[in-house]
């Protein structure tokens, strides 16, 4: 079943990224963490923050020029705005680095586990039987996200999952692997694991040029597209 719980005080991790040791017969297939820059761009949207500062500064400088401000006054405003933008973006990147470092995504032969949280570690356990679909979104050459749609919410709340959740899916949260490097390989590993776990429910097809794993079945579809 789907489980979300905080790390017990002094509990530690018998296996990195997992709150308990793997049960007998379950294998660890893959583990990874978000890339800091990709996390900062796509989870904290630092490009929009930078764009806001650029537009706000440009607007202010245009008004100052219309009002007859001197070049020195306008330069001071531009410098101060640049310092503010650098401080704000730097803080977001620092937070993204800390959160990415604390995050471990895990794929085993039976489930997906998300471990995250800087101050208090949280774990989300998602058995394959509860995953209705898995879809990949690529940005750049080999980076991207994997979105997991669940058969039921299982008590998961959007704010408890953030930022490891698809944006704006508040009523039906969709957990995410964010900012992965080598996302195609991760998608293939997940697709193969689900296929091996439920061979009677899932069929695997190959998509040409380039080849990517695609799983289809009633109520279960995991794809890398």
C-alpha atoms as a PDB file:
ATOM      1  CA  UNK A   1       0.000   0.000   0.000  1.00  0.00           C
ATOM      2  CA  UNK A   2       1.004   3.657  -0.404  1.00  0.00           C
ATOM      3  CA  UNK A   3       2.791   4.965   2.664  1.00  0.00           C
ATOM      4  CA  UNK A   4       4.134   8.375   3.639  1.00  0.00           C
ATOM      5  CA  UNK A   5       5.927   8.777   6.931  1.00  0.00           C
ATOM      6  CA  UNK A   6       8.652  10.803   8.601  1.00  0.00           C
ATOM      7  CA  UNK A   7      11.918   9.304   9.734  1.00  0.00           C
ATOM      8  CA  UNK A   8      11.750   8.115  13.300  1.00  0.00           C
ATOM      9  CA  UNK A   9      14.131   9.886  15.666  1.00  0.00           C
ATOM     10  CA  UNK A  10      17.486   8.126  15.625  1.00  0.00           C
ATOM     11  CA  UNK A  11      16.138   5.567  13.167  1.00  0.00           C
ATOM     12  CA  UNK A  12      18.767   6.070  10.495  1.00  0.00           C
ATOM     13  CA  UNK A  13      18.759   4.273   7.153  1.00  0.00           C
ATOM     14  CA  UNK A  14      19.748   0.616   6.913  1.00  0.00           C
ATOM     15  CA  UNK A  15      19.881   1.178   3.137  1.00  0.00           C
ATOM     16  CA  UNK A  16      20.546   4.613   1.637  1.00  0.00           C
ATOM     17  CA  UNK A  17      17.237   6.189   0.666  1.00  0.00           C
ATOM     18  CA  UNK A  18      15.104   3.560   2.418  1.00  0.00           C
ATOM     19  CA  UNK A  19      13.670   3.572   5.955  1.00  0.00           C
ATOM     20  CA  UNK A  20      13.981  -0.219   6.298  1.00  0.00           C
ATOM     21  CA  UNK A  21      16.143  -2.934   4.833  1.00  0.00           C
ATOM     22  CA  UNK A  22      14.838  -4.532   1.651  1.00  0.00           C
ATOM     23  CA  UNK A  23      12.607  -7.555   2.280  1.00  0.00           C
ATOM     24  CA  UNK A  24      13.848 -10.919   1.079  1.00  0.00           C
ATOM     25  CA  UNK A  25      13.337 -11.307  -2.647  1.00  0.00           C
ATOM     26  CA  UNK A  26      13.236  -7.560  -3.408  1.00  0.00           C
ATOM     27  CA  UNK A  27      16.124  -6.113  -5.406  1.00  0.00           C
ATOM     28  CA  UNK A  28      17.486  -2.582  -5.622  1.00  0.00           C
ATOM     29  CA  UNK A  29      17.503  -1.606  -9.321  1.00  0.00           C
ATOM     30  CA  UNK A  30      18.316   2.103  -9.384  1.00  0.00           C
ATOM     31  CA  UNK A  31      18.888   5.119  -7.150  1.00  0.00           C
ATOM     32  CA  UNK A  32      19.475   8.736  -8.048  1.00  0.00           C
ATOM     33  CA  UNK A  33      18.993  12.358  -7.020  1.00  0.00           C
ATOM     34  CA  UNK A  34      17.946  15.546  -8.807  1.00  0.00           C
ATOM     35  CA  UNK A  35      20.582  17.714 -10.453  1.00  0.00           C
ATOM     36  CA  UNK A  36      20.866  21.031  -8.618  1.00  0.00           C
ATOM     37  CA  UNK A  37      20.607  23.297 -11.668  1.00  0.00           C
ATOM     38  CA  UNK A  38      17.720  21.368 -13.233  1.00  0.00           C
ATOM     39  CA  UNK A  39      15.969  21.339  -9.850  1.00  0.00           C
ATOM     40  CA  UNK A  40      16.450  25.104  -9.454  1.00  0.00           C
ATOM     41  CA  UNK A  41      15.182  25.829 -12.963  1.00  0.00           C
ATOM     42  CA  UNK A  42      12.187  23.507 -13.109  1.00  0.00           C
ATOM     43  CA  UNK A  43      11.095  23.310  -9.460  1.00  0.00           C
ATOM     44  CA  UNK A  44      11.992  26.829  -8.257  1.00  0.00           C
ATOM     45  CA  UNK A  45      11.628  28.546 -11.657  1.00  0.00           C
ATOM     46  CA  UNK A  46      14.677  30.777 -11.304  1.00  0.00           C
ATOM     47  CA  UNK A  47      14.364  31.867 -14.943  1.00  0.00           C
ATOM     48  CA  UNK A  48      10.998  33.485 -14.156  1.00  0.00           C
ATOM     49  CA  UNK A  49      12.496  35.159 -11.087  1.00  0.00           C
ATOM     50  CA  UNK A  50      15.309  36.553 -13.222  1.00  0.00           C
ATOM     51  CA  UNK A  51      12.791  37.670 -15.849  1.00  0.00           C
ATOM     52  CA  UNK A  52      10.771  39.474 -13.169  1.00  0.00           C
ATOM     53  CA  UNK A  53      13.823  41.413 -11.991  1.00  0.00           C
ATOM     54  CA  UNK A  54      14.775  42.324 -15.570  1.00  0.00           C
ATOM     55  CA  UNK A  55      11.282  43.565 -16.436  1.00  0.00           C
ATOM     56  CA  UNK A  56      10.824  45.442 -13.145  1.00  0.00           C
ATOM     57  CA  UNK A  57      14.219  47.121 -13.478  1.00  0.00           C
ATOM     58  CA  UNK A  58      13.640  48.018 -17.126  1.00  0.00           C
ATOM     59  CA  UNK A  59      10.269  49.546 -16.263  1.00  0.00           C
ATOM     60  CA  UNK A  60      11.750  51.585 -13.444  1.00  0.00           C
ATOM     61  CA  UNK A  61      14.661  52.806 -15.560  1.00  0.00           C
ATOM     62  CA  UNK A  62      12.292  53.810 -18.365  1.00  0.00           C
ATOM     63  CA  UNK A  63      10.208  55.853 -15.914  1.00  0.00           C
ATOM     64  CA  UNK A  64      13.339  57.458 -14.476  1.00  0.00           C
ATOM     65  CA  UNK A  65      14.546  58.368 -17.962  1.00  0.00           C
ATOM     66  CA  UNK A  66      11.183  59.943 -18.767  1.00  0.00           C
ATOM     67  CA  UNK A  67      11.367  61.905 -15.523  1.00  0.00           C
ATOM     68  CA  UNK A  68      14.808  63.239 -16.463  1.00  0.00           C
ATOM     69  CA  UNK A  69      16.971  61.236 -14.029  1.00  0.00           C
ATOM     70  CA  UNK A  70      20.726  61.423 -14.472  1.00  0.00           C
ATOM     71  CA  UNK A  71      22.804  58.563 -15.820  1.00  0.00           C
ATOM     72  CA  UNK A  72      24.439  58.139 -12.395  1.00  0.00           C
ATOM     73  CA  UNK A  73      21.078  57.739 -10.670  1.00  0.00           C
ATOM     74  CA  UNK A  74      19.945  55.182 -13.228  1.00  0.00           C
ATOM     75  CA  UNK A  75      23.220  53.269 -12.895  1.00  0.00           C
ATOM     76  CA  UNK A  76      22.784  53.066  -9.132  1.00  0.00           C
ATOM     77  CA  UNK A  77      19.258  51.672  -9.534  1.00  0.00           C
ATOM     78  CA  UNK A  78      20.475  49.117 -12.082  1.00  0.00           C
ATOM     79  CA  UNK A  79      23.311  48.001  -9.786  1.00  0.00           C
ATOM     80  CA  UNK A  80      21.042  47.711  -6.760  1.00  0.00           C
ATOM     81  CA  UNK A  81      18.520  45.703  -8.760  1.00  0.00           C
ATOM     82  CA  UNK A  82      21.293  43.441 -10.029  1.00  0.00           C
ATOM     83  CA  UNK A  83      22.480  42.811  -6.481  1.00  0.00           C
ATOM     84  CA  UNK A  84      18.929  42.020  -5.378  1.00  0.00           C
ATOM     85  CA  UNK A  85      18.431  39.633  -8.291  1.00  0.00           C
ATOM     86  CA  UNK A  86      21.725  37.868  -7.607  1.00  0.00           C
ATOM     87  CA  UNK A  87      20.881  37.504  -3.912  1.00  0.00           C
ATOM     88  CA  UNK A  88      17.380  36.177  -4.601  1.00  0.00           C
ATOM     89  CA  UNK A  89      18.464  33.697  -7.267  1.00  0.00           C
ATOM     90  CA  UNK A  90      21.473  32.661  -5.200  1.00  0.00           C
ATOM     91  CA  UNK A  91      19.196  31.877  -2.253  1.00  0.00           C
ATOM     92  CA  UNK A  92      16.892  29.785  -4.455  1.00  0.00           C
ATOM     93  CA  UNK A  93      19.860  27.872  -5.891  1.00  0.00           C
ATOM     94  CA  UNK A  94      21.162  27.238  -2.377  1.00  0.00           C
ATOM     95  CA  UNK A  95      17.786  25.874  -1.285  1.00  0.00           C
ATOM     96  CA  UNK A  96      17.599  23.758  -4.443  1.00  0.00           C
ATOM     97  CA  UNK A  97      21.083  22.370  -3.742  1.00  0.00           C
ATOM     98  CA  UNK A  98      20.163  21.449  -0.160  1.00  0.00           C
ATOM     99  CA  UNK A  99      16.890  19.809  -1.210  1.00  0.00           C
ATOM    100  CA  UNK A 100      18.466  17.941  -4.122  1.00  0.00           C
ATOM    101  CA  UNK A 101      21.247  16.674  -1.881  1.00  0.00           C
ATOM    102  CA  UNK A 102      18.697  15.391   0.658  1.00  0.00           C
ATOM    103  CA  UNK A 103      16.622  13.634  -2.010  1.00  0.00           C
ATOM    104  CA  UNK A 104      17.032  10.023  -3.094  1.00  0.00           C
ATOM    105  CA  UNK A 105      14.752   8.390  -5.654  1.00  0.00           C
ATOM    106  CA  UNK A 106      14.709   4.588  -5.587  1.00  0.00           C
ATOM    107  CA  UNK A 107      13.376   1.932  -7.936  1.00  0.00           C
ATOM    108  CA  UNK A 108      13.275  -1.640  -6.675  1.00  0.00           C
ATOM    109  CA  UNK A 109      11.844  -4.770  -8.236  1.00  0.00           C
ATOM    110  CA  UNK A 110       8.510  -4.098  -6.488  1.00  0.00           C
ATOM    111  CA  UNK A 111       8.114  -0.383  -5.792  1.00  0.00           C
ATOM    112  CA  UNK A 112       9.239   3.207  -6.071  1.00  0.00           C
ATOM    113  CA  UNK A 113      10.431   5.113  -3.002  1.00  0.00           C
ATOM    114  CA  UNK A 114      10.958   8.867  -2.657  1.00  0.00           C
ATOM    115  CA  UNK A 115      13.118  10.106   0.223  1.00  0.00           C
ATOM    116  CA  UNK A 116      13.334  13.865   0.706  1.00  0.00           C
ATOM    117  CA  UNK A 117      13.428  16.591   3.354  1.00  0.00           C
ATOM    118  CA  UNK A 118      16.334  18.708   4.580  1.00  0.00           C
ATOM    119  CA  UNK A 119      15.436  19.006   8.271  1.00  0.00           C
ATOM    120  CA  UNK A 120      13.177  15.952   8.630  1.00  0.00           C
ATOM    121  CA  UNK A 121      13.418  13.087   6.202  1.00  0.00           C
ATOM    122  CA  UNK A 122      10.190  11.921   4.615  1.00  0.00           C
ATOM    123  CA  UNK A 123       9.585   8.695   2.734  1.00  0.00           C
ATOM    124  CA  UNK A 124       6.911   7.912   0.164  1.00  0.00           C
ATOM    125  CA  UNK A 125       6.461   4.220  -0.660  1.00  0.00           C
ATOM    126  CA  UNK A 126       4.684   3.538  -3.975  1.00  0.00           C
ATOM    127  CA  UNK A 127       4.147  -0.143  -4.836  1.00  0.00           C
ATOM    128  CA  UNK A 128       3.948  -0.906  -8.553  1.00  0.00           C
ATOM    129  CA  UNK A 129       0.362  -2.114  -8.097  1.00  0.00           C
ATOM    130  CA  UNK A 130      -0.610   1.459  -7.159  1.00  0.00           C
ATOM    131  CA  UNK A 131       1.104   3.108 -10.158  1.00  0.00           C
ATOM    132  CA  UNK A 132      -1.439   3.641 -12.942  1.00  0.00           C
ATOM    133  CA  UNK A 133       1.007   5.252 -15.386  1.00  0.00           C
ATOM    134  CA  UNK A 134       4.502   6.648 -15.624  1.00  0.00           C
ATOM    135  CA  UNK A 135       5.346   9.340 -18.156  1.00  0.00           C
ATOM    136  CA  UNK A 136       8.641  10.993 -18.992  1.00  0.00           C
ATOM    137  CA  UNK A 137       9.240  14.651 -19.829  1.00  0.00           C
ATOM    138  CA  UNK A 138      12.650  15.414 -21.302  1.00  0.00           C
ATOM    139  CA  UNK A 139      14.442  18.773 -21.394  1.00  0.00           C
ATOM    140  CA  UNK A 140      17.923  19.063 -22.793  1.00  0.00           C
ATOM    141  CA  UNK A 141      19.887  16.142 -24.166  1.00  0.00           C
ATOM    142  CA  UNK A 142      19.585  13.659 -21.300  1.00  0.00           C
ATOM    143  CA  UNK A 143      17.723  15.426 -18.483  1.00  0.00           C
ATOM    144  CA  UNK A 144      14.077  15.217 -17.546  1.00  0.00           C
ATOM    145  CA  UNK A 145      11.323  14.269 -15.109  1.00  0.00           C
ATOM    146  CA  UNK A 146       9.274  11.119 -14.592  1.00  0.00           C
ATOM    147  CA  UNK A 147       5.656  11.646 -13.495  1.00  0.00           C
ATOM    148  CA  UNK A 148       3.818   8.867 -11.667  1.00  0.00           C
ATOM    149  CA  UNK A 149       0.024   8.736 -11.848  1.00  0.00           C
ATOM    150  CA  UNK A 150      -1.518   6.717  -9.034  1.00  0.00           C
ATOM    151  CA  UNK A 151      -4.524   4.435  -9.028  1.00  0.00           C
ATOM    152  CA  UNK A 152      -5.642   6.191  -5.827  1.00  0.00           C
ATOM    153  CA  UNK A 153      -4.316   9.148  -3.868  1.00  0.00           C
ATOM    154  CA  UNK A 154      -3.596   6.908  -0.890  1.00  0.00           C
ATOM    155  CA  UNK A 155      -3.749   9.826   1.524  1.00  0.00           C
ATOM    156  CA  UNK A 156      -0.916  11.726  -0.181  1.00  0.00           C
ATOM    157  CA  UNK A 157      -1.209  15.520   0.046  1.00  0.00           C
ATOM    158  CA  UNK A 158       0.164  17.918  -2.556  1.00  0.00           C
ATOM    159  CA  UNK A 159       1.963  20.152  -0.063  1.00  0.00           C
ATOM    160  CA  UNK A 160       3.608  17.212   1.713  1.00  0.00           C
ATOM    161  CA  UNK A 161       5.009  15.973  -1.593  1.00  0.00           C
ATOM    162  CA  UNK A 162       6.157  19.346  -2.960  1.00  0.00           C
ATOM    163  CA  UNK A 163       8.404  19.882  -4.861  1.00  0.00           C
ATOM    164  CA  UNK A 164       8.457  16.203  -5.865  1.00  0.00           C
ATOM    165  CA  UNK A 165       4.989  16.438  -7.378  1.00  0.00           C
ATOM    166  CA  UNK A 166       3.521  17.540 -10.694  1.00  0.00           C
ATOM    167  CA  UNK A 167       2.567  21.230 -10.540  1.00  0.00           C
ATOM    168  CA  UNK A 168      -1.091  22.180 -10.056  1.00  0.00           C
ATOM    169  CA  UNK A 169      -2.357  18.596  -9.632  1.00  0.00           C
ATOM    170  CA  UNK A 170      -3.640  19.435  -6.142  1.00  0.00           C
ATOM    171  CA  UNK A 171      -6.707  17.222  -5.809  1.00  0.00           C
ATOM    172  CA  UNK A 172      -4.987  14.169  -7.330  1.00  0.00           C
ATOM    173  CA  UNK A 173      -1.252  14.569  -6.604  1.00  0.00           C
ATOM    174  CA  UNK A 174       1.185  12.937  -9.020  1.00  0.00           C
ATOM    175  CA  UNK A 175       4.602  12.225  -7.455  1.00  0.00           C
ATOM    176  CA  UNK A 176       7.635  13.006  -9.614  1.00  0.00           C
ATOM    177  CA  UNK A 177      11.267  12.137 -10.097  1.00  0.00           C
ATOM    178  CA  UNK A 178      12.577  15.648 -10.812  1.00  0.00           C
ATOM    179  CA  UNK A 179      15.688  16.886 -12.556  1.00  0.00           C
ATOM    180  CA  UNK A 180      17.157  13.505 -13.491  1.00  0.00           C
ATOM    181  CA  UNK A 181      20.318  13.088 -15.536  1.00  0.00           C
ATOM    182  CA  UNK A 182      20.130  10.090 -17.864  1.00  0.00           C
ATOM    183  CA  UNK A 183      16.350  10.102 -17.691  1.00  0.00           C
ATOM    184  CA  UNK A 184      15.962   7.703 -20.635  1.00  0.00           C
ATOM    185  CA  UNK A 185      17.888   4.976 -18.803  1.00  0.00           C
ATOM    186  CA  UNK A 186      15.811   5.539 -15.650  1.00  0.00           C
ATOM    187  CA  UNK A 187      12.587   5.294 -17.666  1.00  0.00           C
ATOM    188  CA  UNK A 188      13.751   2.021 -19.228  1.00  0.00           C
ATOM    189  CA  UNK A 189      14.661   0.620 -15.798  1.00  0.00           C
ATOM    190  CA  UNK A 190      11.267   1.546 -14.362  1.00  0.00           C
ATOM    191  CA  UNK A 191       9.406   0.197 -17.384  1.00  0.00           C
ATOM    192  CA  UNK A 192      11.288  -3.095 -17.256  1.00  0.00           C
ATOM    193  CA  UNK A 193      10.705  -3.428 -13.503  1.00  0.00           C
ATOM    194  CA  UNK A 194       6.947  -2.906 -13.865  1.00  0.00           C
ATOM    195  CA  UNK A 195       6.864  -5.378 -16.757  1.00  0.00           C
ATOM    196  CA  UNK A 196       8.700  -8.007 -14.719  1.00  0.00           C
ATOM    197  CA  UNK A 197       6.449  -7.394 -11.716  1.00  0.00           C
ATOM    198  CA  UNK A 198       3.151  -7.661 -13.613  1.00  0.00           C
ATOM    199  CA  UNK A 199       3.737  -9.609 -16.861  1.00  0.00           C
ATOM    200  CA  UNK A 200       0.051 -10.505 -17.207  1.00  0.00           C
ATOM    201  CA  UNK A 201      -1.089  -6.880 -17.015  1.00  0.00           C
ATOM    202  CA  UNK A 202       1.596  -5.207 -19.096  1.00  0.00           C
ATOM    203  CA  UNK A 203       2.869  -5.567 -22.615  1.00  0.00           C
ATOM    204  CA  UNK A 204       6.014  -3.861 -23.838  1.00  0.00           C
ATOM    205  CA  UNK A 205       6.367  -2.265 -27.245  1.00  0.00           C
ATOM    206  CA  UNK A 206       9.265  -0.554 -28.954  1.00  0.00           C
ATOM    207  CA  UNK A 207       8.902   2.921 -30.417  1.00  0.00           C
ATOM    208  CA  UNK A 208      11.118   3.512 -33.433  1.00  0.00           C
ATOM    209  CA  UNK A 209      13.595   6.349 -34.006  1.00  0.00           C
ATOM    210  CA  UNK A 210      14.752   6.517 -31.281  1.00  0.00           C
ATOM    211  CA  UNK A 211      13.744   3.331 -29.475  1.00  0.00           C
ATOM    212  CA  UNK A 212      12.034   3.999 -26.153  1.00  0.00           C
ATOM    213  CA  UNK A 213      10.178   1.669 -23.814  1.00  0.00           C
ATOM    214  CA  UNK A 214       6.408   1.963 -23.842  1.00  0.00           C
ATOM    215  CA  UNK A 215       4.176  -0.076 -21.569  1.00  0.00           C
ATOM    216  CA  UNK A 216       0.484  -0.394 -22.241  1.00  0.00           C
ATOM    217  CA  UNK A 217      -2.307  -2.268 -20.501  1.00  0.00           C
ATOM    218  CA  UNK A 218      -5.805  -1.608 -19.138  1.00  0.00           C
ATOM    219  CA  UNK A 219      -5.339   0.545 -16.097  1.00  0.00           C
ATOM    220  CA  UNK A 220      -1.563   0.538 -16.379  1.00  0.00           C
ATOM    221  CA  UNK A 221       0.627   2.387 -18.842  1.00  0.00           C
ATOM    222  CA  UNK A 222       4.211   3.431 -18.275  1.00  0.00           C
ATOM    223  CA  UNK A 223       5.936   5.256 -21.089  1.00  0.00           C
ATOM    224  CA  UNK A 224       8.969   7.295 -21.975  1.00  0.00           C
ATOM    225  CA  UNK A 225       7.776   9.774 -24.553  1.00  0.00           C
END
